[in-house]
Protein backbone atom coordinates (compact mmCIF):
# COMPACT_ATOMS: atom_id res chain seq x y z
CA UNK A 1 16.83 -31.17 -53.26
CA UNK A 2 15.56 -32.75 -50.21
CA UNK A 3 18.90 -32.46 -48.44
CA UNK A 4 19.18 -28.73 -49.20
CA UNK A 5 15.52 -28.18 -47.94
CA UNK A 6 16.39 -30.14 -44.78
CA UNK A 7 19.51 -28.06 -44.15
CA UNK A 8 17.69 -24.78 -44.74
CA UNK A 9 14.90 -25.87 -42.44
CA UNK A 10 17.30 -27.01 -39.70
CA UNK A 11 19.00 -23.66 -39.93
CA UNK A 12 15.75 -21.78 -39.70
CA UNK A 13 14.76 -23.74 -36.61
CA UNK A 14 18.21 -23.16 -34.99
CA UNK A 15 17.93 -19.41 -35.61
CA UNK A 16 14.45 -19.30 -34.25
CA UNK A 17 15.54 -21.31 -31.20
CA UNK A 18 18.49 -18.99 -30.61
CA UNK A 19 16.28 -16.01 -30.91
CA UNK A 20 13.77 -17.46 -28.47
CA UNK A 21 16.60 -18.12 -25.96
CA UNK A 22 17.87 -14.54 -26.30
CA UNK A 23 14.46 -13.11 -25.66
CA UNK A 24 13.73 -15.43 -22.81
CA UNK A 25 17.14 -14.57 -21.25
CA UNK A 26 16.34 -10.89 -21.53
CA UNK A 27 12.97 -11.40 -19.94
CA UNK A 28 14.47 -13.36 -17.11
CA UNK A 29 17.09 -10.59 -16.52
CA UNK A 30 14.29 -8.01 -16.28
CA UNK A 31 12.31 -10.20 -13.91
CA UNK A 32 15.42 -10.59 -11.75
CA UNK A 33 16.00 -6.77 -11.77
CA UNK A 34 12.37 -6.19 -10.76
CA UNK A 35 12.59 -8.79 -7.95
CA UNK A 36 15.80 -7.08 -6.68
CA UNK A 37 14.03 -3.65 -6.86
CA UNK A 38 11.13 -4.98 -4.88
CA UNK A 39 13.41 -6.53 -2.19
CA UNK A 40 15.23 -3.27 -1.93
CA UNK A 41 11.90 -1.42 -1.39
CA UNK A 42 10.75 -4.00 1.26
CA UNK A 43 13.97 -3.63 3.11
CA UNK A 44 13.51 0.23 3.07
CA UNK A 45 9.97 -0.15 4.41
CA UNK A 46 11.08 -2.47 7.15
CA UNK A 47 13.91 -0.05 8.13
CA UNK A 48 11.39 2.82 8.34
CA UNK A 49 8.89 0.73 10.48
CA UNK A 50 11.58 -0.80 12.72
């Protein structure tokens, strides 16, 4: 019984960890896109002022 509980618990932790990594990766991709958008806006502002 203990081994079964342990296997189930390890599986739950692995699923939770995988889900957290996926969410974190999605968040990082959004941040990267936002940074690229800001860089593009700054380049446009510099081109206008130059």
